[in-house]
Amino acid sequence: MRQKILAAVLLVGVAVALGWYFLWDRTQGSLVLYGNVEIRQVDVSFRVDGRIAQVLVDEGDSVRAGQELARLDDDLLRQQRDQTAAQLAGQKAQLLRLERGYRTEEVEQARAAVARARAVADNATINLNRVSAMRARNAISQKELDNARSSDRSARAELRSAQEQLDMLLS
């Protein structure tokens, strides 16, 4: 009998809950509030890093999409622009020099360097021949002969380098 009473009370409770759910106007239960929403922090982003130089709006101002809110300090960007412009000017000057060719003074300097290197190389060859003859008679040490050979090779390398520099200027 207890179970029947419990089942009946439970059934009545479910019926009341369902009735209340279906019969009650749901709009009466919605909550409407009025007031202001205050934002204390706003994240603003820029395409580049930098220091903010000027803020153009105040807290509470209405803004629209795309409106400028702040400006970055552009000193660093101006310096980079000026440096790049200077590099460009230097590159243009070098291109102009390459297009016009080398000045006659530069060619003459290269010819003089070849003549000097040839004279040094010829002297080193003469010295090597003299030292070789002396070494054949055991008049000097092997070290002096090695030094003369080294000087001759070095002088020949300097001559080749100077000649290649002149060839580059002439081509």
Protein backbone atom coordinates (compact mmCIF):
# COMPACT_ATOMS: atom_id res chain seq x y z
CA MET A 1 0.00 0.00 0.00
CA ARG A 2 2.86 2.30 0.77
CA GLN A 3 4.22 1.75 -2.69
CA LYS A 4 0.90 2.68 -4.26
CA ILE A 5 0.76 5.94 -2.32
CA LEU A 6 4.33 6.76 -3.21
CA ALA A 7 3.66 6.01 -6.88
CA ALA A 8 0.50 8.16 -6.83
CA VAL A 9 2.36 11.12 -5.23
CA LEU A 10 5.16 10.76 -7.73
CA LEU A 11 2.69 10.63 -10.61
CA VAL A 12 0.87 13.74 -9.36
CA GLY A 13 4.21 15.55 -8.99
CA VAL A 14 5.24 14.71 -12.56
CA ALA A 15 1.84 15.83 -13.88
CA VAL A 16 2.10 19.16 -12.04
CA ALA A 17 5.63 19.73 -13.33
CA LEU A 18 4.61 18.96 -16.92
CA GLY A 19 1.55 21.18 -16.68
CA TRP A 20 3.56 24.05 -15.30
CA TYR A 21 6.15 23.59 -18.06
CA PHE A 22 3.64 23.57 -20.94
CA LEU A 23 1.15 26.13 -19.63
CA TRP A 24 3.51 28.76 -18.26
CA ASP A 25 4.38 31.68 -20.64
CA ARG A 26 8.08 31.39 -21.23
CA THR A 27 8.58 35.09 -22.00
CA GLN A 28 7.58 36.00 -18.50
CA GLY A 29 10.61 34.19 -17.18
CA SER A 30 13.23 36.14 -19.26
CA LEU A 31 15.52 38.54 -17.45
CA VAL A 32 15.94 42.12 -18.78
CA LEU A 33 18.70 44.31 -17.37
CA TYR A 34 19.54 47.96 -18.12
CA GLY A 35 22.86 49.72 -17.58
CA ASN A 36 26.34 50.45 -18.98
CA VAL A 37 29.11 48.00 -19.65
CA GLU A 38 32.56 49.37 -18.86
CA ILE A 39 35.63 47.93 -20.52
CA ARG A 40 38.78 48.44 -18.57
CA GLN A 41 41.25 46.89 -21.01
CA VAL A 42 41.31 46.81 -24.80
CA ASP A 43 43.89 45.04 -26.94
CA VAL A 44 45.00 47.10 -29.93
CA SER A 45 47.35 45.61 -32.49
CA PHE A 46 49.53 47.04 -35.23
CA ARG A 47 51.11 45.41 -38.26
CA VAL A 48 54.61 46.34 -37.03
CA ASP A 49 56.23 46.66 -33.63
CA GLY A 50 56.88 50.05 -32.18
CA ARG A 51 56.17 52.65 -29.54
CA ILE A 52 52.82 54.46 -29.55
CA ALA A 53 53.34 58.15 -30.32
CA GLN A 54 49.75 59.37 -30.15
CA VAL A 55 46.37 58.01 -29.02
CA LEU A 56 43.57 59.55 -31.11
CA VAL A 57 40.46 58.46 -29.14
CA ASP A 58 39.49 58.70 -25.49
CA GLU A 59 37.88 56.12 -23.29
CA GLY A 60 34.15 56.02 -23.91
CA ASP A 61 34.34 57.48 -27.45
CA SER A 62 32.35 55.71 -30.13
CA VAL A 63 34.51 54.24 -32.85
CA ARG A 64 33.73 52.64 -36.18
CA ALA A 65 35.43 49.84 -38.07
CA GLY A 66 38.62 50.99 -39.75
CA GLN A 67 38.93 54.19 -37.73
CA GLU A 68 42.46 55.21 -36.76
CA LEU A 69 42.83 54.81 -33.00
CA ALA A 70 46.52 55.45 -32.43
CA ARG A 71 49.74 56.25 -34.27
CA LEU A 72 53.12 54.61 -33.89
CA ASP A 73 56.37 56.50 -33.45
CA ASP A 74 57.95 56.31 -36.90
CA ASP A 75 61.48 57.56 -36.11
CA LEU A 76 63.01 54.09 -36.42
CA LEU A 77 61.20 53.42 -39.69
CA ARG A 78 62.36 56.77 -41.08
CA GLN A 79 65.96 55.93 -40.16
CA GLN A 80 65.68 52.54 -41.86
CA ARG A 81 64.19 54.22 -44.95
CA ASP A 82 67.01 56.77 -45.09
CA GLN A 83 69.65 54.07 -44.63
CA THR A 84 68.12 51.97 -47.39
CA ALA A 85 67.95 55.03 -49.66
CA ALA A 86 71.67 55.68 -49.03
CA GLN A 87 72.52 52.07 -49.85
CA LEU A 88 70.46 52.32 -53.03
CA ALA A 89 72.30 55.49 -54.06
CA GLY A 90 75.64 53.75 -53.50
CA GLN A 91 74.56 50.77 -55.57
CA LYS A 92 73.38 53.08 -58.37
CA ALA A 93 76.74 54.86 -58.36
CA GLN A 94 78.57 51.56 -58.59
CA LEU A 95 76.30 50.42 -61.44
CA LEU A 96 76.99 53.66 -63.28
CA ARG A 97 80.73 53.15 -62.84
CA LEU A 98 80.46 49.62 -64.16
CA GLU A 99 78.39 50.75 -67.14
CA ARG A 100 80.80 53.56 -68.01
CA GLY A 101 83.88 51.48 -67.47
CA TYR A 102 86.94 52.25 -65.43
CA ARG A 103 88.70 55.58 -65.58
CA THR A 104 91.96 55.84 -67.46
CA GLU A 105 93.73 56.62 -64.17
CA GLU A 106 92.67 53.26 -62.74
CA VAL A 107 93.89 51.44 -65.87
CA GLU A 108 97.22 53.28 -65.71
CA GLN A 109 97.62 52.37 -62.03
CA ALA A 110 97.01 48.71 -62.89
CA ARG A 111 99.59 48.87 -65.72
CA ALA A 112 102.12 50.40 -63.32
CA ALA A 113 101.40 47.65 -60.78
CA VAL A 114 102.05 45.02 -63.47
CA ALA A 115 105.34 46.70 -64.43
CA ARG A 116 106.44 46.85 -60.79
CA ALA A 117 105.47 43.21 -60.20
CA ARG A 118 107.31 42.18 -63.39
CA ALA A 119 110.46 43.98 -62.23
CA VAL A 120 110.30 42.31 -58.81
CA ALA A 121 109.69 38.90 -60.42
CA ASP A 122 112.59 39.35 -62.87
CA ASN A 123 114.89 40.36 -60.01
CA ALA A 124 113.76 37.32 -57.99
CA THR A 125 114.50 35.04 -60.96
CA ILE A 126 117.97 36.53 -61.41
CA ASN A 127 118.63 36.16 -57.68
CA LEU A 128 117.40 32.53 -57.77
CA ASN A 129 119.77 31.72 -60.67
CA ARG A 130 122.70 33.35 -58.86
CA VAL A 131 121.91 31.54 -55.57
CA SER A 132 121.46 28.22 -57.41
CA ALA A 133 124.89 28.57 -58.99
CA MET A 134 126.42 29.40 -55.64
CA ARG A 135 124.69 26.45 -53.99
CA ALA A 136 126.04 24.14 -56.70
CA ARG A 137 129.55 25.12 -55.57
CA ASN A 138 128.53 24.81 -51.88
CA ALA A 139 129.21 28.50 -51.39
CA ILE A 140 125.90 29.06 -49.55
CA SER A 141 123.51 27.04 -47.43
CA GLN A 142 120.43 25.16 -48.59
CA LYS A 143 118.30 27.56 -46.56
CA GLU A 144 119.38 30.53 -48.68
CA LEU A 145 118.48 28.61 -51.83
CA ASP A 146 115.04 27.75 -50.37
CA ASN A 147 114.49 31.40 -49.49
CA ALA A 148 115.40 32.48 -53.03
CA ARG A 149 112.97 29.91 -54.51
CA SER A 150 110.21 31.10 -52.19
CA SER A 151 110.85 34.74 -53.14
CA ASP A 152 110.74 33.82 -56.83
CA ARG A 153 107.41 31.95 -56.46
CA SER A 154 105.92 34.82 -54.44
CA ALA A 155 107.04 37.42 -56.99
CA ARG A 156 105.57 35.34 -59.85
CA ALA A 157 102.26 35.06 -57.98
CA GLU A 158 102.16 38.84 -57.44
CA LEU A 159 102.83 39.34 -61.15
CA ARG A 160 99.94 37.01 -62.10
CA SER A 161 97.61 38.79 -59.69
CA ALA A 162 98.52 42.25 -61.04
CA GLN A 163 98.13 41.03 -64.63
CA GLU A 164 94.69 39.54 -63.87
CA GLN A 165 93.62 42.84 -62.29
CA LEU A 166 94.72 44.73 -65.39
CA ASP A 167 92.95 42.22 -67.65
CA MET A 168 89.76 42.69 -65.67
CA LEU A 169 89.94 46.48 -66.04
CA LEU A 170 90.53 46.20 -69.77
CA SER A 171 87.74 43.74 -70.49
